[in-house]
Amino acid sequence: MASYHGLKGLLITIEGIDGCGKTTQAKLLYRRMLNSGYETILTHEPTDGRIGTLIERLLKSNEKVAAKLLALLFAADRYEHVENVILPALKSGKVVICDRYYHSSIAYQTSMGLGEDYVRCINDFAPKPDVAIMIRVSSQTSTSRIMKRRRVQYTEQKMIQEKVQQKYDELCKRGELIAIDGEGKRGEVHERIWAIVSEELSKRQSYGVA
């Protein structure tokens, strides 16, 4: 993915299969960053913009959408997100916490049959995260959380989720994502995430980046 020089901020992404608790953990991290004195924004993908709203509507319709169409829609939504939200925030020195990012596209779209090279190609504009965390939970935990929702999206079906987790694990082995245990109490999971983030913050301060 794209590498941008001169960015003063910090991009943190939170990944994982549906039901892993990433949205909750992104919010907890956001509050802690603010309380620690860091100018921080919390954002998510798909976005609440025009394309992101369309994606959400398609996913909730339970109608199967062609994998390539969905991949292109996510990339288009991400392009607007990067240009209008992420890059401006990073250039101004802010910390950006993003609930899902291009690693989600790689994990989900390849699990739906697309080649990884293609997914990476259409997302090559996206800046690499400084810290990319994947929250790992068991399929039982994921399924039990998903079933509590009013409606299950077709991308949340167990078979797809298992394939997605396998791809996430592969990305972790390659060093693109840092896996943390998502089982246990919210506070315990948060502390695992904070240990990773605070280590990155310490490194940047040592080198005079932050």
Protein backbone atom coordinates (compact mmCIF):
# COMPACT_ATOMS: atom_id res chain seq x y z
CA MET A 1 0.00 0.00 0.00
CA ALA A 2 0.97 3.65 -0.29
CA SER A 3 3.75 5.09 1.84
CA TYR A 4 3.45 8.81 2.58
CA HIS A 5 6.37 10.92 3.78
CA GLY A 6 5.91 13.95 5.95
CA LEU A 7 2.85 12.70 7.82
CA LYS A 8 3.08 13.77 11.44
CA GLY A 9 0.13 11.81 12.79
CA LEU A 10 -0.44 8.20 13.73
CA LEU A 11 -2.80 5.79 11.96
CA ILE A 12 -4.15 2.93 14.07
CA THR A 13 -6.49 0.36 12.58
CA ILE A 14 -8.59 -2.22 14.41
CA GLU A 15 -9.52 -5.37 12.49
CA GLY A 16 -11.24 -8.69 13.07
CA ILE A 17 -14.16 -10.88 12.09
CA ASP A 18 -17.69 -9.74 12.88
CA GLY A 19 -18.48 -10.04 16.56
CA CYS A 20 -14.86 -9.74 17.69
CA GLY A 21 -15.55 -6.52 19.62
CA LYS A 22 -13.46 -4.20 17.47
CA THR A 23 -15.97 -1.31 17.49
CA THR A 24 -16.15 -1.37 21.28
CA GLN A 25 -12.36 -1.52 21.54
CA ALA A 26 -11.89 1.30 19.03
CA LYS A 27 -14.12 3.51 21.19
CA LEU A 28 -12.25 2.58 24.38
CA LEU A 29 -8.92 3.34 22.73
CA TYR A 30 -10.26 6.66 21.43
CA ARG A 31 -11.29 7.75 24.93
CA ARG A 32 -7.95 6.73 26.40
CA MET A 33 -6.00 8.59 23.73
CA LEU A 34 -8.01 11.73 24.43
CA ASN A 35 -7.53 11.33 28.18
CA SER A 36 -3.80 10.92 27.57
CA GLY A 37 -3.70 14.28 25.80
CA TYR A 38 -3.53 13.15 22.16
CA GLU A 39 -5.60 14.94 19.56
CA THR A 40 -7.49 11.97 18.16
CA ILE A 41 -10.29 11.18 15.75
CA LEU A 42 -12.31 7.96 15.59
CA THR A 43 -13.59 6.84 12.22
CA HIS A 44 -14.81 3.67 10.55
CA GLU A 45 -15.35 1.82 7.27
CA PRO A 46 -17.62 1.59 5.49
CA THR A 47 -18.14 5.28 6.14
CA ASP A 48 -21.36 7.22 6.65
CA GLY A 49 -20.81 8.88 3.26
CA ARG A 50 -22.76 8.35 0.07
CA ILE A 51 -20.88 5.21 -1.01
CA GLY A 52 -20.53 3.79 2.48
CA THR A 53 -24.27 4.17 3.03
CA LEU A 54 -24.92 2.27 -0.19
CA ILE A 55 -22.60 -0.53 0.94
CA GLU A 56 -24.41 -0.84 4.26
CA ARG A 57 -27.75 -0.98 2.47
CA LEU A 58 -26.53 -3.71 0.14
CA LEU A 59 -25.10 -5.78 2.97
CA LYS A 60 -28.24 -5.50 5.08
CA SER A 61 -30.48 -6.41 2.14
CA ASN A 62 -29.23 -10.02 2.40
CA GLU A 63 -29.04 -10.13 -1.38
CA LYS A 64 -25.78 -11.60 -2.64
CA VAL A 65 -23.65 -8.91 -4.29
CA ALA A 66 -20.93 -9.75 -6.82
CA ALA A 67 -17.58 -9.85 -5.01
CA LYS A 68 -15.87 -7.58 -7.56
CA LEU A 69 -18.64 -4.98 -7.33
CA LEU A 70 -18.44 -4.99 -3.55
CA ALA A 71 -14.65 -4.68 -3.65
CA LEU A 72 -14.84 -1.68 -6.00
CA LEU A 73 -17.47 0.00 -3.83
CA PHE A 74 -15.34 -0.45 -0.71
CA ALA A 75 -12.30 0.94 -2.55
CA ALA A 76 -14.28 3.95 -3.76
CA ASP A 77 -15.61 4.62 -0.26
CA ARG A 78 -12.08 4.25 1.13
CA TYR A 79 -10.66 6.67 -1.44
CA GLU A 80 -13.04 9.42 -0.31
CA HIS A 81 -12.34 8.49 3.31
CA VAL A 82 -8.56 8.73 2.84
CA GLU A 83 -8.70 12.00 0.90
CA ASN A 84 -11.28 13.78 3.05
CA VAL A 85 -10.64 12.44 6.54
CA ILE A 86 -7.55 10.30 7.09
CA LEU A 87 -4.82 12.19 5.21
CA PRO A 88 -5.87 15.68 6.42
CA ALA A 89 -5.89 14.43 10.02
CA LEU A 90 -2.49 12.75 9.71
CA LYS A 91 -0.95 15.82 8.05
CA SER A 92 -2.13 17.95 10.96
CA GLY A 93 -0.50 15.59 13.46
CA LYS A 94 -3.60 13.86 14.79
CA VAL A 95 -4.01 10.25 15.82
CA VAL A 96 -6.53 8.45 13.61
CA ILE A 97 -8.24 5.32 14.92
CA CYS A 98 -10.04 3.46 12.15
CA ASP A 99 -12.55 0.68 12.80
CA ARG A 100 -11.79 -1.50 9.73
CA TYR A 101 -9.48 -0.52 6.88
CA TYR A 102 -8.01 -2.12 3.76
CA HIS A 103 -7.03 -5.33 5.60
CA SER A 104 -10.76 -5.96 5.92
CA SER A 105 -11.11 -5.76 2.16
CA ILE A 106 -8.24 -8.21 1.71
CA ALA A 107 -9.69 -10.66 4.23
CA TYR A 108 -13.33 -10.47 3.16
CA GLN A 109 -13.02 -10.07 -0.59
CA THR A 110 -10.48 -12.88 -0.99
CA SER A 111 -12.79 -15.06 1.10
CA MET A 112 -15.48 -14.30 -1.47
CA GLY A 113 -13.28 -15.49 -4.33
CA LEU A 114 -11.22 -12.49 -5.49
CA GLY A 115 -7.46 -12.57 -5.87
CA GLU A 116 -5.42 -10.75 -3.24
CA ASP A 117 -3.32 -8.94 -5.84
CA TYR A 118 -6.46 -7.45 -7.37
CA VAL A 119 -7.79 -6.25 -4.00
CA ARG A 120 -4.45 -4.69 -3.15
CA CYS A 121 -4.21 -3.03 -6.56
CA ILE A 122 -7.53 -1.19 -6.27
CA ASN A 123 -6.57 -0.03 -2.77
CA ASP A 124 -2.98 1.00 -3.51
CA PHE A 125 -3.73 4.66 -2.71
CA ALA A 126 -4.36 3.93 0.97
CA PRO A 127 -1.59 4.88 3.43
CA LYS A 128 -0.21 2.00 5.48
CA PRO A 129 -1.29 2.02 9.12
CA ASP A 130 1.38 2.63 11.75
CA VAL A 131 -0.30 0.11 14.02
CA ALA A 132 -2.68 -2.52 12.64
CA ILE A 133 -4.33 -4.72 15.28
CA MET A 134 -6.44 -7.82 14.70
CA ILE A 135 -8.69 -8.90 17.55
CA ARG A 136 -8.95 -12.69 17.54
CA VAL A 137 -11.93 -14.51 19.04
CA SER A 138 -13.21 -18.04 18.64
CA SER A 139 -15.88 -18.79 16.05
CA GLN A 140 -18.18 -19.67 18.95
CA THR A 141 -17.75 -16.24 20.51
CA SER A 142 -18.24 -14.51 17.16
CA THR A 143 -21.36 -16.51 16.30
CA SER A 144 -22.98 -15.99 19.70
CA ARG A 145 -22.48 -12.22 19.46
CA ILE A 146 -23.72 -12.03 15.88
CA MET A 147 -26.87 -14.02 16.68
CA LYS A 148 -27.87 -11.42 19.27
CA ARG A 149 -28.35 -8.88 16.47
CA ARG A 150 -31.72 -8.29 14.85
CA ARG A 151 -30.52 -9.27 11.38
CA VAL A 152 -27.50 -11.23 10.22
CA GLN A 153 -25.79 -9.98 7.04
CA TYR A 154 -24.75 -12.60 4.51
CA THR A 155 -21.08 -11.66 5.02
CA GLU A 156 -21.52 -12.67 8.69
CA GLN A 157 -22.37 -16.28 7.90
CA LYS A 158 -20.16 -18.74 9.77
CA MET A 159 -18.55 -20.28 6.67
CA ILE A 160 -17.45 -16.85 5.39
CA GLN A 161 -16.26 -15.78 8.83
CA GLU A 162 -14.04 -18.86 9.14
CA LYS A 163 -12.40 -18.09 5.77
CA VAL A 164 -11.96 -14.45 6.79
CA GLN A 165 -10.26 -15.49 10.04
CA GLN A 166 -7.88 -17.74 8.12
CA LYS A 167 -6.87 -14.80 5.91
CA TYR A 168 -6.43 -12.52 8.92
CA ASP A 169 -4.18 -15.15 10.52
CA GLU A 170 -2.14 -15.30 7.30
CA LEU A 171 -1.73 -11.51 7.33
CA CYS A 172 -0.58 -11.71 10.95
CA LYS A 173 2.05 -14.32 10.06
CA ARG A 174 3.32 -11.97 7.34
CA GLY A 175 3.70 -9.22 9.93
CA GLU A 176 1.03 -6.93 8.49
CA LEU A 177 -1.25 -7.25 11.52
CA ILE A 178 -0.65 -7.72 15.24
CA ALA A 179 -2.98 -10.34 16.73
CA ILE A 180 -4.33 -9.90 20.23
CA ASP A 181 -6.58 -12.20 22.25
CA GLY A 182 -10.13 -10.83 22.15
CA GLU A 183 -11.55 -13.24 24.71
CA GLY A 184 -12.31 -12.06 28.23
CA LYS A 185 -13.61 -8.82 29.72
CA ARG A 186 -13.62 -5.60 27.70
CA GLY A 187 -11.14 -3.97 30.03
CA GLU A 188 -8.70 -6.85 29.71
CA VAL A 189 -8.81 -6.73 25.91
CA HIS A 190 -8.36 -2.96 26.01
CA GLU A 191 -5.22 -3.26 28.11
CA ARG A 192 -3.74 -5.68 25.57
CA ILE A 193 -4.39 -3.14 22.82
CA TRP A 194 -3.10 -0.23 24.90
CA ALA A 195 0.17 -2.07 25.54
CA ILE A 196 0.80 -2.23 21.78
CA VAL A 197 -0.27 1.36 21.11
CA SER A 198 1.67 2.83 24.03
CA GLU A 199 4.81 1.02 22.86
CA GLU A 200 4.46 2.64 19.43
CA LEU A 201 3.89 6.04 21.04
CA SER A 202 7.02 5.61 23.16
CA LYS A 203 9.07 4.73 20.08
CA ARG A 204 7.86 7.79 18.21
CA GLN A 205 8.60 10.07 21.15
CA SER A 206 12.09 8.56 21.48
CA TYR A 207 12.79 9.36 17.83
CA GLY A 208 11.16 12.77 18.09
CA VAL A 209 8.30 11.85 15.74
CA ALA A 210 5.42 12.51 18.11
